[in-house]
Amino acid sequence: MIPVDPSGCARKIIDVHGQTGVAWLARLPALVADVAARWSLIVLPPFPELSYNYVAPVMGPGGAPLVLKAGVPHRELWDEMDALRLYDGRGIARLVAADRERGVLLLERVLPGESLRTVADDEQTHVVAEVLRGLAGVALPDGHPFRTIGHLARGFERLRATFGNTGPFPAERVARAEGLLRELVVETDAACLIHGDLNPGNVLRATRAEWLAIDPKGYAGDPLWDVATFLNDPPADLGASDLRRLQVRRVALLAEALGVARGDILAWAEAHAVLSAWWSYDDHGAGWEPAMGLAELYAGLG
C-alpha cells in the first residue's frame, strides 16, 4: 500500500463533510493506490499546505511531473473537472485524467510553481490581468452545470434566515451589496465560464506560459467576479491607510489593463466582499470583519 498522510486536510474535510468525510479518509490510501496503479503513477509526499482535498505531486509515465488531487465527491469538485475540460489548458493547468465518480483528478504540474503572492504588488495586478485574458472567452455549452453568480447571491437569503435580519453585519452594508448584485447580474449580457477563485495563491509561475491559474471553482458569470476575488485577498499585514492606497492603485491598474470602468470593478468588489464576509461566518463562525472592512473601503471610493 502506498503511504498516504492526509493529516494536512483531515480536519477540514471532516468539518465540511462530517461522517462522510471520516469514511472517505479511511478509504483514501486504497483509493490512491488504485489510481496510481491504473494511471502508472509514482506518488510522492503530499504538498505541505492542504485544505479540503488531498493533493500530492506524482510522476507519470516517462517521469512526467503531474499532480494527483482527490476529494470527497461533491458538486464543487465536479464543477472543477468540468471547468478544466472546457478551459483545455488555456490560461490554466491542464486536466490530464479524471475519475468523476471517485472524485480524483490528474493534473499538469505547474513548474516552477511559485505563487503570485511572492511578487510585488504592481506585478501581481498586471499578472492577474494577463491571466484573465488567457481565461477569457470560453463559451458555456447549452445546459451547462455551473452555478451562476445569482445562485451564489442566495447566500444573503441564508444570512437573513440565520439572524432574522442581518445579525452582526451592518444592515445598510448588506442591503447595498444585495442591490449591487441584483443590478450587476441583470446587466451581464452573456455569462461565460469564469475561474471563480482567482486569489493570488491560485496563480503560479509556469514554463509553458509565464503564469497559469489552478483550482477553478467553475462559475457562469462576469469575469469581474474574478477581479473582485483577487482584490479581496490583499496582504494581511497592511494598516488601514496602506491598504487603501494599495486597493486604489490596484483598481486603477486593473481598469486600465482590462478596459473596464473603475466603478464597475468597485461595485463587484464591494458586493463580493460582503458575500465573502457571510461565507466566513457561515463556515467558521468568525473571521468576517476584514472582508466587511474592504466593502466599506470600496463604498467610500465609489
Protein backbone atom coordinates (compact mmCIF):
# COMPACT_ATOMS: atom_id res chain seq x y z
CA MET A 1 0.00 0.00 0.00
CA ILE A 2 1.29 3.49 -0.87
CA PRO A 3 1.87 5.52 2.33
CA VAL A 4 -0.68 8.35 2.38
CA ASP A 5 -0.71 11.06 5.05
CA PRO A 6 -3.99 13.03 4.97
CA SER A 7 -3.32 14.87 8.24
CA GLY A 8 -2.95 18.21 6.45
CA CYS A 9 -6.54 18.14 5.23
CA ALA A 10 -8.34 15.72 7.55
CA ARG A 11 -9.77 18.28 9.96
CA LYS A 12 -11.22 20.47 7.22
CA ILE A 13 -12.63 17.50 5.33
CA ILE A 14 -14.40 16.28 8.47
CA ASP A 15 -15.64 19.81 9.28
CA VAL A 16 -17.26 20.07 5.86
CA HIS A 17 -18.38 16.50 5.19
CA GLY A 18 -18.89 15.03 8.67
CA GLN A 19 -19.09 11.24 8.82
CA THR A 20 -18.93 11.05 5.04
CA GLY A 21 -15.53 12.71 5.31
CA VAL A 22 -14.42 10.30 8.04
CA ALA A 23 -15.34 7.31 5.87
CA TRP A 24 -13.65 8.85 2.81
CA LEU A 25 -10.41 9.44 4.73
CA ALA A 26 -10.40 5.79 5.79
CA ARG A 27 -10.67 4.75 2.11
CA LEU A 28 -8.11 7.28 0.85
CA PRO A 29 -4.96 5.05 0.99
CA ALA A 30 -6.67 2.34 -1.06
CA LEU A 31 -8.04 4.94 -3.48
CA VAL A 32 -4.62 6.49 -4.08
CA ALA A 33 -3.04 3.06 -4.55
CA ASP A 34 -5.70 2.08 -7.06
CA VAL A 35 -5.45 5.19 -9.25
CA ALA A 36 -1.65 5.09 -9.03
CA ALA A 37 -1.70 1.58 -10.47
CA ARG A 38 -4.30 2.43 -13.11
CA TRP A 39 -2.52 5.59 -14.32
CA SER A 40 1.05 4.28 -13.78
CA LEU A 41 1.95 6.91 -11.18
CA ILE A 42 4.70 7.20 -8.58
CA VAL A 43 3.09 9.10 -5.70
CA LEU A 44 5.27 11.50 -3.70
CA PRO A 45 4.55 13.05 -0.26
CA PRO A 46 1.62 15.49 -0.36
CA PHE A 47 2.04 19.22 -0.65
CA PRO A 48 2.56 20.83 2.77
CA GLU A 49 -0.43 23.19 2.67
CA LEU A 50 -3.58 21.16 2.08
CA SER A 51 -7.10 22.41 2.55
CA TYR A 52 -10.23 20.49 1.59
CA ASN A 53 -8.62 17.90 -0.70
CA TYR A 54 -5.65 15.54 -0.70
CA VAL A 55 -3.12 16.87 -3.22
CA ALA A 56 0.25 15.30 -3.98
CA PRO A 57 2.92 15.59 -6.68
CA VAL A 58 3.27 12.44 -8.74
CA MET A 59 5.45 11.15 -11.55
CA GLY A 60 3.57 9.83 -14.54
CA PRO A 61 4.74 7.55 -17.33
CA GLY A 62 8.19 8.60 -18.51
CA GLY A 63 8.68 10.71 -15.39
CA ALA A 64 6.16 13.41 -16.39
CA PRO A 65 5.56 15.81 -13.46
CA LEU A 66 1.88 15.71 -12.58
CA VAL A 67 -0.42 16.37 -9.62
CA LEU A 68 -2.92 13.97 -8.07
CA LYS A 69 -5.92 15.61 -6.41
CA ALA A 70 -8.55 13.62 -4.53
CA GLY A 71 -11.56 14.80 -2.58
CA VAL A 72 -14.92 13.69 -1.30
CA PRO A 73 -17.04 13.53 -4.47
CA HIS A 74 -19.33 16.55 -4.44
CA ARG A 75 -20.54 19.36 -6.64
CA GLU A 76 -17.58 21.71 -6.22
CA LEU A 77 -15.11 19.02 -7.29
CA TRP A 78 -17.26 18.05 -10.28
CA ASP A 79 -17.54 21.70 -11.33
CA GLU A 80 -13.75 21.94 -11.20
CA MET A 81 -13.43 18.93 -13.52
CA ASP A 82 -15.96 20.36 -15.95
CA ALA A 83 -14.32 23.78 -15.94
CA LEU A 84 -10.86 22.33 -16.57
CA ARG A 85 -12.16 20.33 -19.51
CA LEU A 86 -13.67 23.45 -21.08
CA TYR A 87 -10.57 25.59 -20.46
CA ASP A 88 -8.45 22.82 -22.02
CA GLY A 89 -5.21 24.29 -20.66
CA ARG A 90 -5.84 27.88 -21.83
CA GLY A 91 -4.52 30.05 -19.02
CA ILE A 92 -4.80 27.20 -16.54
CA ALA A 93 -3.23 23.86 -15.59
CA ARG A 94 -4.38 21.07 -17.89
CA LEU A 95 -6.63 18.24 -16.76
CA VAL A 96 -4.87 15.01 -17.78
CA ALA A 97 -7.42 12.49 -16.48
CA ALA A 98 -10.31 12.32 -14.05
CA ASP A 99 -12.47 9.82 -12.19
CA ARG A 100 -15.68 11.73 -11.55
CA GLU A 101 -17.38 9.03 -9.51
CA ARG A 102 -14.48 8.78 -7.05
CA GLY A 103 -13.52 12.46 -7.02
CA VAL A 104 -9.99 12.13 -8.43
CA LEU A 105 -8.16 14.45 -10.83
CA LEU A 106 -4.78 14.04 -12.51
CA LEU A 107 -3.37 17.44 -13.44
CA GLU A 108 -0.47 19.07 -15.16
CA ARG A 109 2.06 20.14 -12.54
CA VAL A 110 2.80 23.84 -12.91
CA LEU A 111 6.53 24.40 -12.60
CA PRO A 112 8.50 26.14 -11.19
CA GLY A 113 5.25 26.86 -9.32
CA GLU A 114 5.95 29.91 -7.18
CA SER A 115 2.76 31.58 -6.04
CA LEU A 116 1.79 35.04 -7.26
CA ARG A 117 1.98 36.07 -3.60
CA THR A 118 5.78 36.06 -3.95
CA VAL A 119 5.92 39.04 -6.34
CA ALA A 120 5.49 42.79 -5.82
CA ASP A 121 2.07 44.44 -5.77
CA ASP A 122 2.06 46.11 -9.19
CA GLU A 123 3.35 42.97 -10.86
CA GLN A 124 0.63 40.94 -9.15
CA THR A 125 -2.00 43.20 -10.65
CA HIS A 126 -0.54 43.04 -14.15
CA VAL A 127 -0.24 39.25 -13.93
CA VAL A 128 -3.87 38.85 -12.87
CA ALA A 129 -4.97 40.95 -15.85
CA GLU A 130 -2.87 38.77 -18.17
CA VAL A 131 -4.20 35.52 -16.66
CA LEU A 132 -7.76 36.81 -17.02
CA ARG A 133 -7.16 37.48 -20.69
CA GLY A 134 -5.91 33.91 -21.05
CA LEU A 135 -9.02 32.53 -19.37
CA ALA A 136 -11.45 34.77 -21.23
CA GLY A 137 -13.94 33.83 -23.89
CA VAL A 138 -14.78 30.23 -23.02
CA ALA A 139 -18.40 29.81 -24.07
CA LEU A 140 -20.78 27.85 -21.89
CA PRO A 141 -22.45 24.83 -23.51
CA ASP A 142 -26.23 24.54 -23.51
CA GLY A 143 -27.43 23.03 -20.28
CA HIS A 144 -24.12 23.66 -18.54
CA PRO A 145 -23.85 22.53 -14.89
CA PHE A 146 -22.15 25.61 -13.45
CA ARG A 147 -23.54 27.78 -10.69
CA THR A 148 -24.26 31.39 -11.56
CA ILE A 149 -23.43 34.50 -9.56
CA GLY A 150 -27.15 34.82 -8.93
CA HIS A 151 -27.02 31.39 -7.30
CA LEU A 152 -24.12 32.49 -5.10
CA ALA A 153 -26.00 35.66 -4.14
CA ARG A 154 -28.61 33.50 -2.41
CA GLY A 155 -26.12 33.44 0.43
CA PHE A 156 -27.76 36.68 1.50
CA GLU A 157 -31.05 34.82 1.88
CA ARG A 158 -29.33 32.35 4.22
CA LEU A 159 -27.77 35.24 6.14
CA ARG A 160 -31.17 36.84 6.77
CA ALA A 161 -32.77 33.50 7.59
CA THR A 162 -29.99 32.76 10.10
CA PHE A 163 -30.36 36.02 12.03
CA GLY A 164 -33.91 37.08 11.29
CA ASN A 165 -32.26 40.19 9.87
CA THR A 166 -28.51 40.81 9.43
CA GLY A 167 -27.12 39.86 12.86
CA PRO A 168 -23.61 41.23 13.40
CA PHE A 169 -23.39 42.57 9.85
CA PRO A 170 -24.28 46.23 9.23
CA ALA A 171 -27.79 46.22 7.77
CA GLU A 172 -27.02 49.06 5.34
CA ARG A 173 -23.95 47.28 4.03
CA VAL A 174 -25.83 44.02 3.43
CA ALA A 175 -28.74 45.77 1.71
CA ARG A 176 -26.35 47.71 -0.52
CA ALA A 177 -24.49 44.52 -1.53
CA GLU A 178 -27.78 42.76 -2.30
CA GLY A 179 -28.81 45.65 -4.52
CA LEU A 180 -25.46 45.79 -6.29
CA LEU A 181 -25.55 42.10 -7.14
CA ARG A 182 -29.13 42.33 -8.43
CA GLU A 183 -28.05 45.12 -10.79
CA LEU A 184 -24.76 43.52 -11.80
CA VAL A 185 -26.22 40.11 -12.57
CA VAL A 186 -29.06 41.63 -14.61
CA GLU A 187 -26.63 43.86 -16.51
CA THR A 188 -24.40 40.93 -17.51
CA ASP A 189 -25.11 40.50 -21.22
CA ALA A 190 -23.84 36.95 -21.57
CA ALA A 191 -22.31 34.89 -18.81
CA CYS A 192 -19.16 32.97 -19.66
CA LEU A 193 -17.09 30.42 -17.79
CA ILE A 194 -15.09 32.11 -15.03
CA HIS A 195 -12.48 30.76 -12.65
CA GLY A 196 -14.39 31.70 -9.50
CA ASP A 197 -11.50 31.80 -7.02
CA LEU A 198 -8.68 33.77 -8.65
CA ASN A 199 -6.81 34.65 -5.46
CA PRO A 200 -3.00 35.09 -5.65
CA GLY A 201 -2.40 31.61 -4.24
CA ASN A 202 -4.20 30.11 -7.24
CA VAL A 203 -1.85 31.70 -9.80
CA LEU A 204 1.53 30.01 -10.24
CA ARG A 205 4.66 30.80 -12.22
CA ALA A 206 4.92 28.42 -15.16
CA THR A 207 7.16 27.46 -18.05
CA ARG A 208 4.71 26.90 -20.94
CA ALA A 209 3.11 30.26 -20.08
CA GLU A 210 4.62 32.77 -17.72
CA TRP A 211 1.76 32.31 -15.24
CA LEU A 212 -1.09 29.78 -15.03
CA ALA A 213 -4.15 29.51 -12.83
CA ILE A 214 -5.04 26.42 -10.79
CA ASP A 215 -8.04 25.19 -8.77
CA PRO A 216 -11.01 26.78 -10.56
CA LYS A 217 -14.41 26.80 -8.89
CA GLY A 218 -16.08 26.98 -12.28
CA TYR A 219 -18.92 29.52 -12.28
CA ALA A 220 -21.05 31.09 -15.00
CA GLY A 221 -20.78 34.83 -14.74
CA ASP A 222 -18.97 38.08 -15.37
CA PRO A 223 -15.13 37.96 -15.33
CA LEU A 224 -15.17 40.94 -12.96
CA TRP A 225 -16.13 38.43 -10.26
CA ASP A 226 -12.59 37.07 -10.65
CA VAL A 227 -11.19 40.60 -10.41
CA ALA A 228 -13.12 41.05 -7.17
CA THR A 229 -11.79 37.77 -5.81
CA PHE A 230 -8.23 38.96 -6.38
CA LEU A 231 -8.87 42.37 -4.82
CA ASN A 232 -10.49 40.82 -1.76
CA ASP A 233 -7.41 38.78 -0.85
CA PRO A 234 -4.88 41.56 -0.11
CA PRO A 235 -1.78 41.15 2.06
CA ALA A 236 -2.87 40.56 5.65
CA ASP A 237 -0.30 42.77 7.36
CA LEU A 238 -1.29 46.19 5.97
CA GLY A 239 -2.58 49.04 8.07
CA ALA A 240 -5.73 50.86 7.02
CA SER A 241 -4.02 53.70 5.13
CA ASP A 242 -1.62 51.35 3.29
CA LEU A 243 -4.48 49.02 2.40
CA ARG A 244 -6.49 51.90 1.00
CA ARG A 245 -3.57 53.10 -1.13
CA LEU A 246 -2.95 49.56 -2.41
CA GLN A 247 -6.56 48.96 -3.40
CA VAL A 248 -6.93 52.35 -5.07
CA ARG A 249 -3.88 51.62 -7.19
CA ARG A 250 -4.94 48.04 -7.97
CA VAL A 251 -8.40 49.14 -9.09
CA ALA A 252 -6.90 51.82 -11.35
CA LEU A 253 -4.37 49.43 -12.89
CA LEU A 254 -6.97 46.71 -13.49
CA ALA A 255 -9.45 49.15 -15.02
CA GLU A 256 -6.79 50.32 -17.47
CA ALA A 257 -5.42 46.85 -18.27
CA LEU A 258 -8.84 45.27 -18.82
CA GLY A 259 -10.52 48.26 -20.44
CA VAL A 260 -13.39 48.38 -17.93
CA ALA A 261 -14.85 51.14 -15.80
CA ARG A 262 -13.35 51.71 -12.38
CA GLY A 263 -16.86 51.96 -10.94
CA ASP A 264 -17.79 48.53 -12.25
CA ILE A 265 -14.76 46.97 -10.56
CA LEU A 266 -15.61 48.72 -7.28
CA ALA A 267 -19.23 47.54 -7.44
CA TRP A 268 -18.26 43.90 -7.99
CA ALA A 269 -15.56 44.10 -5.32
CA GLU A 270 -17.93 45.57 -2.74
CA ALA A 271 -20.68 43.02 -3.33
CA HIS A 272 -18.17 40.15 -3.35
CA ALA A 273 -16.60 41.38 -0.08
CA VAL A 274 -19.91 41.40 1.80
CA LEU A 275 -20.82 37.95 0.49
CA SER A 276 -17.34 36.73 1.48
CA ALA A 277 -17.88 38.10 4.99
CA TRP A 278 -21.03 35.99 5.27
CA TRP A 279 -19.26 32.90 3.95
CA SER A 280 -16.56 33.33 6.60
CA TYR A 281 -19.21 33.49 9.31
CA ASP A 282 -21.22 30.62 7.82
CA ASP A 283 -18.17 28.36 7.55
CA HIS A 284 -16.27 29.29 10.71
CA GLY A 285 -18.47 31.50 12.90
CA ALA A 286 -15.77 34.18 12.83
CA GLY A 287 -13.25 35.97 10.66
CA TRP A 288 -15.73 38.09 8.70
CA GLU A 289 -14.57 41.54 9.79
CA PRO A 290 -11.70 42.09 7.28
CA ALA A 291 -13.97 41.43 4.30
CA MET A 292 -16.60 43.82 5.66
CA GLY A 293 -13.89 46.43 6.12
CA LEU A 294 -12.97 46.04 2.45
CA ALA A 295 -16.60 46.53 1.45
CA GLU A 296 -16.68 49.80 3.40
CA LEU A 297 -13.46 50.89 1.70
CA TYR A 298 -14.88 50.27 -1.79
CA ALA A 299 -18.13 52.06 -0.94
CA GLY A 300 -16.08 55.09 0.09
CA LEU A 301 -14.15 55.03 -3.19
CA GLY A 302 -17.19 54.79 -5.44
